Structures are given as C-alpha cells and as structure tokens.
Amino acid sequence: MKVPRHCVEFFKNKFETFPSFIGVDFDLDVISIDKITKKSKLIWLDKVISKDNNKENEKLIEYDSTGIMIYIKDSNCLTFLTTSEKIQNVELIISQLKRIKK
C-alpha cells in the first residue's frame, strides 16, 4: 500500500528517521481496528460527509508515541510506520489483530 508522502514526512520529522513499513495483508473489519486503536491519537484524517453517512477514507494514527503509527485506508487496509527498534512490537500487534479477527 502506498502511504501518502505527508504522512511519511510527519513520521520522519517526529522520530528523526525514515519509517519501516509493515502492511497487513488479510481482511479486517472496523471493530477489530477500533479495538487496537481506541486509545491512539489521531494525527490526520481525510473524511467525506454525505447525506446518508460519514465515510473515513484515510487516516494516520499515532499508536505509540515512541515510534509506531498506523496509516488506515478505507477502514480495512493498514500499514504500520515504525522505527526499526519497534518492528517486533508491530508484529505482536498484528498477531493480536489476527486473534481478534477469528
């Protein structure tokens, strides 16, 4: 998945390093994503408000202030941006997502 340049730049400025990218390649639902991001800080949002409902197309979330962000597109495609020191933490988060999904 392609992460927007401004999200990558934000990460680089905050953590003073280029991010490592880890994509999630299995189907997710909004409930699963909400469970792992409910305490996270919203950094950026691209949202469409229509007559019938609200749709969040894209958002960037700071999952961990020490080096993990999540880029979410269309509520089910996730890409983690992380420092190299936090890669194992991201792999654990993905394991949790797999358990929630079952």
PDB file of N, CA and C in Angstrom:
ATOM      1  N   MET A   1       0.838  -1.175   0.000  1.00  0.00           N
ATOM      2  CA  MET A   1       0.000   0.000   0.000  1.00  0.00           C
ATOM      3  C   MET A   1       0.886   1.242   0.000  1.00  0.00           C
ATOM      4  N   LYS A   2       0.478   2.214  -0.701  1.00  0.00           N
ATOM      5  CA  LYS A   2       1.210   3.473  -0.797  1.00  0.00           C
ATOM      6  C   LYS A   2       0.737   4.417   0.306  1.00  0.00           C
ATOM      7  N   VAL A   3       1.674   4.834   1.147  1.00  0.00           N
ATOM      8  CA  VAL A   3       1.392   5.775   2.219  1.00  0.00           C
ATOM      9  C   VAL A   3       1.653   7.178   1.675  1.00  0.00           C
ATOM     10  N   PRO A   4       0.736   8.119   1.890  1.00  0.00           N
ATOM     11  CA  PRO A   4       0.942   9.476   1.381  1.00  0.00           C
ATOM     12  C   PRO A   4       2.247  10.093   1.888  1.00  0.00           C
ATOM     13  N   ARG A   5       2.859  10.869   1.042  1.00  0.00           N
ATOM     14  CA  ARG A   5       4.152  11.490   1.352  1.00  0.00           C
ATOM     15  C   ARG A   5       4.100  12.324   2.629  1.00  0.00           C
ATOM     16  N   HIS A   6       2.992  13.072   2.817  1.00  0.00           N
ATOM     17  CA  HIS A   6       2.931  13.922   4.011  1.00  0.00           C
ATOM     18  C   HIS A   6       2.895  13.100   5.302  1.00  0.00           C
ATOM     19  N   CYS A   7       2.362  11.889   5.249  1.00  0.00           N
ATOM     20  CA  CYS A   7       2.374  11.011   6.429  1.00  0.00           C
ATOM     21  C   CYS A   7       3.795  10.530   6.717  1.00  0.00           C
ATOM     22  N   VAL A   8       4.512  10.167   5.668  1.00  0.00           N
ATOM     23  CA  VAL A   8       5.901   9.733   5.814  1.00  0.00           C
ATOM     24  C   VAL A   8       6.751  10.888   6.347  1.00  0.00           C
ATOM     25  N   GLU A   9       6.538  12.080   5.813  1.00  0.00           N
ATOM     26  CA  GLU A   9       7.297  13.258   6.268  1.00  0.00           C
ATOM     27  C   GLU A   9       7.004  13.571   7.730  1.00  0.00           C
ATOM     28  N   PHE A  10       5.749  13.441   8.125  1.00  0.00           N
ATOM     29  CA  PHE A  10       5.392  13.671   9.524  1.00  0.00           C
ATOM     30  C   PHE A  10       6.145  12.704  10.425  1.00  0.00           C
ATOM     31  N   PHE A  11       6.168  11.436  10.038  1.00  0.00           N
ATOM     32  CA  PHE A  11       6.882  10.422  10.804  1.00  0.00           C
ATOM     33  C   PHE A  11       8.368  10.770  10.888  1.00  0.00           C
ATOM     34  N   LYS A  12       8.972  11.096   9.744  1.00  0.00           N
ATOM     35  CA  LYS A  12      10.396  11.431   9.710  1.00  0.00           C
ATOM     36  C   LYS A  12      10.723  12.615  10.617  1.00  0.00           C
ATOM     37  N   ASN A  13       9.884  13.636  10.596  1.00  0.00           N
ATOM     38  CA  ASN A  13      10.113  14.810  11.435  1.00  0.00           C
ATOM     39  C   ASN A  13       9.973  14.488  12.924  1.00  0.00           C
ATOM     40  N   LYS A  14       9.019  13.651  13.264  1.00  0.00           N
ATOM     41  CA  LYS A  14       8.763  13.328  14.666  1.00  0.00           C
ATOM     42  C   LYS A  14       9.832  12.411  15.259  1.00  0.00           C
ATOM     43  N   PHE A  15      10.226  11.394  14.496  1.00  0.00           N
ATOM     44  CA  PHE A  15      11.134  10.384  15.031  1.00  0.00           C
ATOM     45  C   PHE A  15      12.557  10.487  14.483  1.00  0.00           C
ATOM     46  N   GLU A  16      12.794  11.456  13.619  1.00  0.00           N
ATOM     47  CA  GLU A  16      14.119  11.720  13.048  1.00  0.00           C
ATOM     48  C   GLU A  16      14.735  10.496  12.368  1.00  0.00           C
ATOM     49  N   THR A  17      13.889   9.724  11.715  1.00  0.00           N
ATOM     50  CA  THR A  17      14.330   8.562  10.953  1.00  0.00           C
ATOM     51  C   THR A  17      13.272   8.220   9.910  1.00  0.00           C
ATOM     52  N   PHE A  18      13.704   7.582   8.838  1.00  0.00           N
ATOM     53  CA  PHE A  18      12.758   7.134   7.824  1.00  0.00           C
ATOM     54  C   PHE A  18      12.027   5.904   8.368  1.00  0.00           C
ATOM     55  N   PRO A  19      10.721   5.802   8.150  1.00  0.00           N
ATOM     56  CA  PRO A  19       9.985   4.674   8.733  1.00  0.00           C
ATOM     57  C   PRO A  19      10.207   3.366   7.988  1.00  0.00           C
ATOM     58  N   SER A  20      10.103   2.288   8.743  1.00  0.00           N
ATOM     59  CA  SER A  20       9.948   0.957   8.160  1.00  0.00           C
ATOM     60  C   SER A  20       8.454   0.765   7.961  1.00  0.00           C
ATOM     61  N   PHE A  21       8.064   0.059   6.911  1.00  0.00           N
ATOM     62  CA  PHE A  21       6.654  -0.141   6.592  1.00  0.00           C
ATOM     63  C   PHE A  21       6.308  -1.616   6.744  1.00  0.00           C
ATOM     64  N   ILE A  22       5.209  -1.892   7.430  1.00  0.00           N
ATOM     65  CA  ILE A  22       4.708  -3.258   7.571  1.00  0.00           C
ATOM     66  C   ILE A  22       3.222  -3.219   7.238  1.00  0.00           C
ATOM     67  N   GLY A  23       2.854  -3.869   6.149  1.00  0.00           N
ATOM     68  CA  GLY A  23       1.457  -3.894   5.719  1.00  0.00           C
ATOM     69  C   GLY A  23       0.736  -5.117   6.240  1.00  0.00           C
ATOM     70  N   VAL A  24      -0.550  -4.981   6.435  1.00  0.00           N
ATOM     71  CA  VAL A  24      -1.395  -6.100   6.859  1.00  0.00           C
ATOM     72  C   VAL A  24      -2.123  -6.598   5.622  1.00  0.00           C
ATOM     73  N   ASP A  25      -1.931  -7.885   5.317  1.00  0.00           N
ATOM     74  CA  ASP A  25      -2.470  -8.459   4.096  1.00  0.00           C
ATOM     75  C   ASP A  25      -3.522  -9.527   4.407  1.00  0.00           C
ATOM     76  N   PHE A  26      -4.470  -9.181   5.254  1.00  0.00           N
ATOM     77  CA  PHE A  26      -5.625 -10.044   5.495  1.00  0.00           C
ATOM     78  C   PHE A  26      -6.814  -9.144   5.801  1.00  0.00           C
ATOM     79  N   ASP A  27      -8.017  -9.665   5.560  1.00  0.00           N
ATOM     80  CA  ASP A  27      -9.226  -8.863   5.727  1.00  0.00           C
ATOM     81  C   ASP A  27      -9.451  -8.502   7.189  1.00  0.00           C
ATOM     82  N   LEU A  28      -9.801  -7.250   7.408  1.00  0.00           N
ATOM     83  CA  LEU A  28     -10.113  -6.746   8.741  1.00  0.00           C
ATOM     84  C   LEU A  28     -11.476  -6.088   8.713  1.00  0.00           C
ATOM     85  N   ASP A  29     -12.023  -5.872   9.884  1.00  0.00           N
ATOM     86  CA  ASP A  29     -13.263  -5.111   9.969  1.00  0.00           C
ATOM     87  C   ASP A  29     -13.036  -3.912  10.881  1.00  0.00           C
ATOM     88  N   VAL A  30     -13.959  -2.990  10.854  1.00  0.00           N
ATOM     89  CA  VAL A  30     -13.837  -1.747  11.618  1.00  0.00           C
ATOM     90  C   VAL A  30     -13.731  -2.041  13.114  1.00  0.00           C
ATOM     91  N   ILE A  31     -14.466  -3.017  13.596  1.00  0.00           N
ATOM     92  CA  ILE A  31     -14.458  -3.351  15.022  1.00  0.00           C
ATOM     93  C   ILE A  31     -13.066  -3.803  15.460  1.00  0.00           C
ATOM     94  N   SER A  32     -12.416  -4.643  14.674  1.00  0.00           N
ATOM     95  CA  SER A  32     -11.062  -5.106  15.002  1.00  0.00           C
ATOM     96  C   SER A  32     -10.082  -3.945  15.060  1.00  0.00           C
ATOM     97  N   ILE A  33     -10.169  -3.065  14.092  1.00  0.00           N
ATOM     98  CA  ILE A  33      -9.271  -1.907  14.044  1.00  0.00           C
ATOM     99  C   ILE A  33      -9.554  -0.980  15.221  1.00  0.00           C
ATOM    100  N   ASP A  34     -10.823  -0.764  15.521  1.00  0.00           N
ATOM    101  CA  ASP A  34     -11.183   0.106  16.643  1.00  0.00           C
ATOM    102  C   ASP A  34     -10.663  -0.437  17.970  1.00  0.00           C
ATOM    103  N   LYS A  35     -10.652  -1.755  18.123  1.00  0.00           N
ATOM    104  CA  LYS A  35     -10.171  -2.351  19.377  1.00  0.00           C
ATOM    105  C   LYS A  35      -8.703  -2.029  19.636  1.00  0.00           C
ATOM    106  N   ILE A  36      -7.895  -2.032  18.577  1.00  0.00           N
ATOM    107  CA  ILE A  36      -6.465  -1.772  18.806  1.00  0.00           C
ATOM    108  C   ILE A  36      -6.111  -0.293  18.754  1.00  0.00           C
ATOM    109  N   THR A  37      -7.009   0.542  18.235  1.00  0.00           N
ATOM    110  CA  THR A  37      -6.674   1.963  18.095  1.00  0.00           C
ATOM    111  C   THR A  37      -7.495   2.878  19.004  1.00  0.00           C
ATOM    112  N   LYS A  38      -8.322   2.335  19.870  1.00  0.00           N
ATOM    113  CA  LYS A  38      -9.236   3.174  20.652  1.00  0.00           C
ATOM    114  C   LYS A  38      -8.515   4.159  21.579  1.00  0.00           C
ATOM    115  N   LYS A  39      -7.303   3.855  22.008  1.00  0.00           N
ATOM    116  CA  LYS A  39      -6.550   4.763  22.883  1.00  0.00           C
ATOM    117  C   LYS A  39      -5.479   5.542  22.123  1.00  0.00           C
ATOM    118  N   SER A  40      -5.485   5.447  20.813  1.00  0.00           N
ATOM    119  CA  SER A  40      -4.468   6.095  19.984  1.00  0.00           C
ATOM    120  C   SER A  40      -4.844   7.528  19.654  1.00  0.00           C
ATOM    121  N   LYS A  41      -3.831   8.290  19.268  1.00  0.00           N
ATOM    122  CA  LYS A  41      -4.019   9.695  18.927  1.00  0.00           C
ATOM    123  C   LYS A  41      -4.183   9.851  17.414  1.00  0.00           C
ATOM    124  N   LEU A  42      -5.265  10.512  17.000  1.00  0.00           N
ATOM    125  CA  LEU A  42      -5.493  10.791  15.592  1.00  0.00           C
ATOM    126  C   LEU A  42      -4.591  11.947  15.164  1.00  0.00           C
ATOM    127  N   ILE A  43      -3.809  11.742  14.110  1.00  0.00           N
ATOM    128  CA  ILE A  43      -2.897  12.759  13.596  1.00  0.00           C
ATOM    129  C   ILE A  43      -3.504  13.471  12.395  1.00  0.00           C
ATOM    130  N   TRP A  44      -4.075  12.697  11.491  1.00  0.00           N
ATOM    131  CA  TRP A  44      -4.580  13.247  10.226  1.00  0.00           C
ATOM    132  C   TRP A  44      -5.766  12.417   9.762  1.00  0.00           C
ATOM    133  N   LEU A  45      -6.737  13.081   9.113  1.00  0.00           N
ATOM    134  CA  LEU A  45      -7.952  12.416   8.666  1.00  0.00           C
ATOM    135  C   LEU A  45      -8.408  12.999   7.343  1.00  0.00           C
ATOM    136  N   ASP A  46      -8.828  12.133   6.451  1.00  0.00           N
ATOM    137  CA  ASP A  46      -9.478  12.521   5.194  1.00  0.00           C
ATOM    138  C   ASP A  46     -10.859  11.882   5.250  1.00  0.00           C
ATOM    139  N   LYS A  47     -11.890  12.712   5.381  1.00  0.00           N
ATOM    140  CA  LYS A  47     -13.237  12.204   5.622  1.00  0.00           C
ATOM    141  C   LYS A  47     -14.217  12.829   4.632  1.00  0.00           C
ATOM    142  N   VAL A  48     -15.168  12.030   4.184  1.00  0.00           N
ATOM    143  CA  VAL A  48     -16.229  12.509   3.298  1.00  0.00           C
ATOM    144  C   VAL A  48     -17.541  12.446   4.070  1.00  0.00           C
ATOM    145  N   ILE A  49     -18.254  13.566   4.080  1.00  0.00           N
ATOM    146  CA  ILE A  49     -19.554  13.611   4.738  1.00  0.00           C
ATOM    147  C   ILE A  49     -20.616  13.716   3.651  1.00  0.00           C
ATOM    148  N   SER A  50     -21.447  12.700   3.600  1.00  0.00           N
ATOM    149  CA  SER A  50     -22.510  12.689   2.597  1.00  0.00           C
ATOM    150  C   SER A  50     -23.867  12.778   3.297  1.00  0.00           C
ATOM    151  N   LYS A  51     -24.896  12.800   2.523  1.00  0.00           N
ATOM    152  CA  LYS A  51     -26.251  12.903   3.060  1.00  0.00           C
ATOM    153  C   LYS A  51     -26.610  11.700   3.936  1.00  0.00           C
ATOM    154  N   ASP A  52     -26.160  10.516   3.540  1.00  0.00           N
ATOM    155  CA  ASP A  52     -26.555   9.294   4.224  1.00  0.00           C
ATOM    156  C   ASP A  52     -25.639   8.881   5.381  1.00  0.00           C
ATOM    157  N   ASN A  53     -24.337   9.107   5.211  1.00  0.00           N
ATOM    158  CA  ASN A  53     -23.415   8.669   6.264  1.00  0.00           C
ATOM    159  C   ASN A  53     -22.062   9.368   6.124  1.00  0.00           C
ATOM    160  N   ASN A  54     -21.206   9.146   7.121  1.00  0.00           N
ATOM    161  CA  ASN A  54     -19.843   9.652   7.096  1.00  0.00           C
ATOM    162  C   ASN A  54     -18.915   8.513   6.712  1.00  0.00           C
ATOM    163  N   LYS A  55     -17.946   8.827   5.886  1.00  0.00           N
ATOM    164  CA  LYS A  55     -17.002   7.797   5.474  1.00  0.00           C
ATOM    165  C   LYS A  55     -15.586   8.327   5.648  1.00  0.00           C
ATOM    166  N   GLU A  56     -14.801   7.629   6.453  1.00  0.00           N
ATOM    167  CA  GLU A  56     -13.402   7.979   6.628  1.00  0.00           C
ATOM    168  C   GLU A  56     -12.600   7.238   5.569  1.00  0.00           C
ATOM    169  N   ASN A  57     -12.047   7.981   4.621  1.00  0.00           N
ATOM    170  CA  ASN A  57     -11.278   7.361   3.552  1.00  0.00           C
ATOM    171  C   ASN A  57      -9.868   6.995   4.002  1.00  0.00           C
ATOM    172  N   GLU A  58      -9.228   7.919   4.713  1.00  0.00           N
ATOM    173  CA  GLU A  58      -7.854   7.694   5.145  1.00  0.00           C
ATOM    174  C   GLU A  58      -7.624   8.374   6.482  1.00  0.00           C
ATOM    175  N   LYS A  59      -6.709   7.782   7.273  1.00  0.00           N
ATOM    176  CA  LYS A  59      -6.295   8.460   8.495  1.00  0.00           C
ATOM    177  C   LYS A  59      -4.937   7.937   8.946  1.00  0.00           C
ATOM    178  N   LEU A  60      -4.258   8.788   9.682  1.00  0.00           N
ATOM    179  CA  LEU A  60      -2.970   8.445  10.277  1.00  0.00           C
ATOM    180  C   LEU A  60      -3.131   8.539  11.776  1.00  0.00           C
ATOM    181  N   ILE A  61      -2.736   7.473  12.464  1.00  0.00           N
ATOM    182  CA  ILE A  61      -2.898   7.372  13.905  1.00  0.00           C
ATOM    183  C   ILE A  61      -1.539   7.151  14.547  1.00  0.00           C
ATOM    184  N   GLU A  62      -1.295   7.846  15.644  1.00  0.00           N
ATOM    185  CA  GLU A  62      -0.099   7.574  16.443  1.00  0.00           C
ATOM    186  C   GLU A  62      -0.483   6.509  17.461  1.00  0.00           C
ATOM    187  N   TYR A  63      -0.036   5.297  17.217  1.00  0.00           N
ATOM    188  CA  TYR A  63      -0.369   4.173  18.091  1.00  0.00           C
ATOM    189  C   TYR A  63       0.493   4.199  19.345  1.00  0.00           C
ATOM    190  N   ASP A  64       1.772   4.497  19.161  1.00  0.00           N
ATOM    191  CA  ASP A  64       2.733   4.522  20.267  1.00  0.00           C
ATOM    192  C   ASP A  64       3.650   5.721  20.052  1.00  0.00           C
ATOM    193  N   SER A  65       3.717   6.588  21.032  1.00  0.00           N
ATOM    194  CA  SER A  65       4.488   7.828  20.892  1.00  0.00           C
ATOM    195  C   SER A  65       5.990   7.594  20.812  1.00  0.00           C
ATOM    196  N   THR A  66       6.426   6.357  20.983  1.00  0.00           N
ATOM    197  CA  THR A  66       7.855   6.051  20.883  1.00  0.00           C
ATOM    198  C   THR A  66       8.258   5.468  19.532  1.00  0.00           C
ATOM    199  N   GLY A  67       7.316   5.433  18.560  1.00  0.00           N
ATOM    200  CA  GLY A  67       7.735   5.025  17.235  1.00  0.00           C
ATOM    201  C   GLY A  67       6.822   4.143  16.423  1.00  0.00           C
ATOM    202  N   ILE A  68       5.514   4.169  16.675  1.00  0.00           N
ATOM    203  CA  ILE A  68       4.588   3.370  15.854  1.00  0.00           C
ATOM    204  C   ILE A  68       3.402   4.231  15.442  1.00  0.00           C
ATOM    205  N   MET A  69       3.182   4.314  14.126  1.00  0.00           N
ATOM    206  CA  MET A  69       1.998   4.963  13.575  1.00  0.00           C
ATOM    207  C   MET A  69       1.301   3.978  12.647  1.00  0.00           C
ATOM    208  N   ILE A  70       0.006   4.205  12.458  1.00  0.00           N
ATOM    209  CA  ILE A  70      -0.778   3.333  11.576  1.00  0.00           C
ATOM    210  C   ILE A  70      -1.481   4.201  10.548  1.00  0.00           C
ATOM    211  N   TYR A  71      -1.256   3.885   9.276  1.00  0.00           N
ATOM    212  CA  TYR A  71      -1.980   4.523   8.179  1.00  0.00           C
ATOM    213  C   TYR A  71      -3.115   3.582   7.807  1.00  0.00           C
ATOM    214  N   ILE A  72      -4.341   4.084   7.866  1.00  0.00           N
ATOM    215  CA  ILE A  72      -5.528   3.283   7.577  1.00  0.00           C
ATOM    216  C   ILE A  72      -6.226   3.885   6.370  1.00  0.00           C
ATOM    217  N   LYS A  73      -6.521   3.049   5.402  1.00  0.00           N
ATOM    218  CA  LYS A  73      -7.248   3.497   4.207  1.00  0.00           C
ATOM    219  C   LYS A  73      -8.511   2.664   4.066  1.00  0.00           C
ATOM    220  N   ASP A  74      -9.622   3.339   3.871  1.00  0.00           N
ATOM    221  CA  ASP A  74     -10.921   2.696   3.662  1.00  0.00           C
ATOM    222  C   ASP A  74     -11.299   1.736   4.787  1.00  0.00           C
ATOM    223  N   SER A  75     -10.916   2.047   6.006  1.00  0.00           N
ATOM    224  CA  SER A  75     -11.303   1.331   7.232  1.00  0.00           C
ATOM    225  C   SER A  75     -10.844  -0.117   7.326  1.00  0.00           C
ATOM    226  N   ASN A  76     -10.117  -0.633   6.345  1.00  0.00           N
ATOM    227  CA  ASN A  76      -9.697  -2.027   6.487  1.00  0.00           C
ATOM    228  C   ASN A  76      -8.301  -2.325   5.950  1.00  0.00           C
ATOM    229  N   CYS A  77      -7.621  -1.359   5.369  1.00  0.00           N
ATOM    230  CA  CYS A  77      -6.263  -1.562   4.877  1.00  0.00           C
ATOM    231  C   CYS A  77      -5.299  -0.836   5.803  1.00  0.00           C
ATOM    232  N   LEU A  78      -4.417  -1.576   6.448  1.00  0.00           N
ATOM    233  CA  LEU A  78      -3.495  -0.996   7.417  1.00  0.00           C
ATOM    234  C   LEU A  78      -2.055  -1.102   6.951  1.00  0.00           C
ATOM    235  N   THR A  79      -1.311  -0.027   7.186  1.00  0.00           N
ATOM    236  CA  THR A  79       0.128  -0.043   7.018  1.00  0.00           C
ATOM    237  C   THR A  79       0.729   0.594   8.260  1.00  0.00           C
ATOM    238  N   PHE A  80       1.615  -0.131   8.896  1.00  0.00           N
ATOM    239  CA  PHE A  80       2.310   0.389  10.066  1.00  0.00           C
ATOM    240  C   PHE A  80       3.568   1.110   9.615  1.00  0.00           C
ATOM    241  N   LEU A  81       3.800   2.276  10.178  1.00  0.00           N
ATOM    242  CA  LEU A  81       5.041   3.013  10.006  1.00  0.00           C
ATOM    243  C   LEU A  81       5.737   2.919  11.363  1.00  0.00           C
ATOM    244  N   THR A  82       6.970   2.455  11.371  1.00  0.00           N
ATOM    245  CA  THR A  82       7.622   2.213  12.640  1.00  0.00           C
ATOM    246  C   THR A  82       9.121   2.436  12.563  1.00  0.00           C
ATOM    247  N   THR A  83       9.713   2.696  13.705  1.00  0.00           N
ATOM    248  CA  THR A  83      11.170   2.743  13.776  1.00  0.00           C
ATOM    249  C   THR A  83      11.668   1.300  13.768  1.00  0.00           C
ATOM    250  N   SER A  84      12.907   1.119  13.426  1.00  0.00           N
ATOM    251  CA  SER A  84      13.452  -0.248  13.358  1.00  0.00           C
ATOM    252  C   SER A  84      13.432  -0.930  14.731  1.00  0.00           C
ATOM    253  N   GLU A  85      13.523  -0.134  15.793  1.00  0.00           N
ATOM    254  CA  GLU A  85      13.506  -0.707  17.146  1.00  0.00           C
ATOM    255  C   GLU A  85      12.137  -1.254  17.536  1.00  0.00           C
ATOM    256  N   LYS A  86      11.095  -0.828  16.860  1.00  0.00           N
ATOM    257  CA  LYS A  86       9.723  -1.210  17.226  1.00  0.00           C
ATOM    258  C   LYS A  86       9.101  -2.249  16.296  1.00  0.00           C
ATOM    259  N   ILE A  87       9.873  -2.807  15.390  1.00  0.00           N
ATOM    260  CA  ILE A  87       9.324  -3.776  14.433  1.00  0.00           C
ATOM    261  C   ILE A  87       8.708  -4.974  15.152  1.00  0.00           C
ATOM    262  N   GLN A  88       9.376  -5.492  16.174  1.00  0.00           N
ATOM    263  CA  GLN A  88       8.827  -6.645  16.906  1.00  0.00           C
ATOM    264  C   GLN A  88       7.519  -6.288  17.601  1.00  0.00           C
ATOM    265  N   ASN A  89       7.406  -5.062  18.099  1.00  0.00           N
ATOM    266  CA  ASN A  89       6.159  -4.625  18.720  1.00  0.00           C
ATOM    267  C   ASN A  89       5.023  -4.635  17.692  1.00  0.00           C
ATOM    268  N   VAL A  90       5.311  -4.172  16.484  1.00  0.00           N
ATOM    269  CA  VAL A  90       4.297  -4.159  15.419  1.00  0.00           C
ATOM    270  C   VAL A  90       3.879  -5.589  15.081  1.00  0.00           C
ATOM    271  N   GLU A  91       4.834  -6.500  15.031  1.00  0.00           N
ATOM    272  CA  GLU A  91       4.493  -7.896  14.743  1.00  0.00           C
ATOM    273  C   GLU A  91       3.578  -8.469  15.827  1.00  0.00           C
ATOM    274  N   LEU A  92       3.770  -8.065  17.072  1.00  0.00           N
ATOM    275  CA  LEU A  92       2.879  -8.505  18.156  1.00  0.00           C
ATOM    276  C   LEU A  92       1.479  -7.908  17.990  1.00  0.00           C
ATOM    277  N   ILE A  93       1.404  -6.652  17.577  1.00  0.00           N
ATOM    278  CA  ILE A  93       0.106  -6.011  17.337  1.00  0.00           C
ATOM    279  C   ILE A  93      -0.640  -6.742  16.229  1.00  0.00           C
ATOM    280  N   ILE A  94       0.079  -7.112  15.188  1.00  0.00           N
ATOM    281  CA  ILE A  94      -0.541  -7.839  14.071  1.00  0.00           C
ATOM    282  C   ILE A  94      -1.029  -9.209  14.538  1.00  0.00           C
ATOM    283  N   SER A  95      -0.279  -9.861  15.410  1.00  0.00           N
ATOM    284  CA  SER A  95      -0.729 -11.143  15.979  1.00  0.00           C
ATOM    285  C   SER A  95      -2.030 -10.959  16.751  1.00  0.00           C
ATOM    286  N   GLN A  96      -2.137  -9.862  17.506  1.00  0.00           N
ATOM    287  CA  GLN A  96      -3.368  -9.561  18.228  1.00  0.00           C
ATOM    288  C   GLN A  96      -4.527  -9.360  17.259  1.00  0.00           C
ATOM    289  N   LEU A  97      -4.272  -8.651  16.170  1.00  0.00           N
ATOM    290  CA  LEU A  97      -5.314  -8.431  15.159  1.00  0.00           C
ATOM    291  C   LEU A  97      -5.803  -9.759  14.595  1.00  0.00           C
ATOM    292  N   LYS A  98      -4.885 -10.675  14.342  1.00  0.00           N
ATOM    293  CA  LYS A  98      -5.278 -11.979  13.801  1.00  0.00           C
ATOM    294  C   LYS A  98      -6.178 -12.718  14.789  1.00  0.00           C
ATOM    295  N   ARG A  99      -5.858 -12.638  16.092  1.00  0.00           N
ATOM    296  CA  ARG A  99      -6.685 -13.311  17.115  1.00  0.00           C
ATOM    297  C   ARG A  99      -8.065 -12.658  17.223  1.00  0.00           C
ATOM    298  N   ILE A 100      -8.109 -11.324  17.154  1.00  0.00           N
ATOM    299  CA  ILE A 100      -9.392 -10.610  17.227  1.00  0.00           C
ATOM    300  C   ILE A 100     -10.273 -10.999  16.053  1.00  0.00           C
ATOM    301  N   LYS A 101      -9.666 -11.156  14.893  1.00  0.00           N
ATOM    302  CA  LYS A 101     -10.387 -11.446  13.647  1.00  0.00           C
ATOM    303  C   LYS A 101     -11.080 -12.803  13.700  1.00  0.00           C
ATOM    304  N   LYS A 102     -10.490 -13.773  14.396  1.00  0.00           N
ATOM    305  CA  LYS A 102     -11.032 -15.137  14.410  1.00  0.00           C
ATOM    306  C   LYS A 102     -12.351 -15.250  15.116  1.00  0.00           C
TER     307      LYS A 102
END
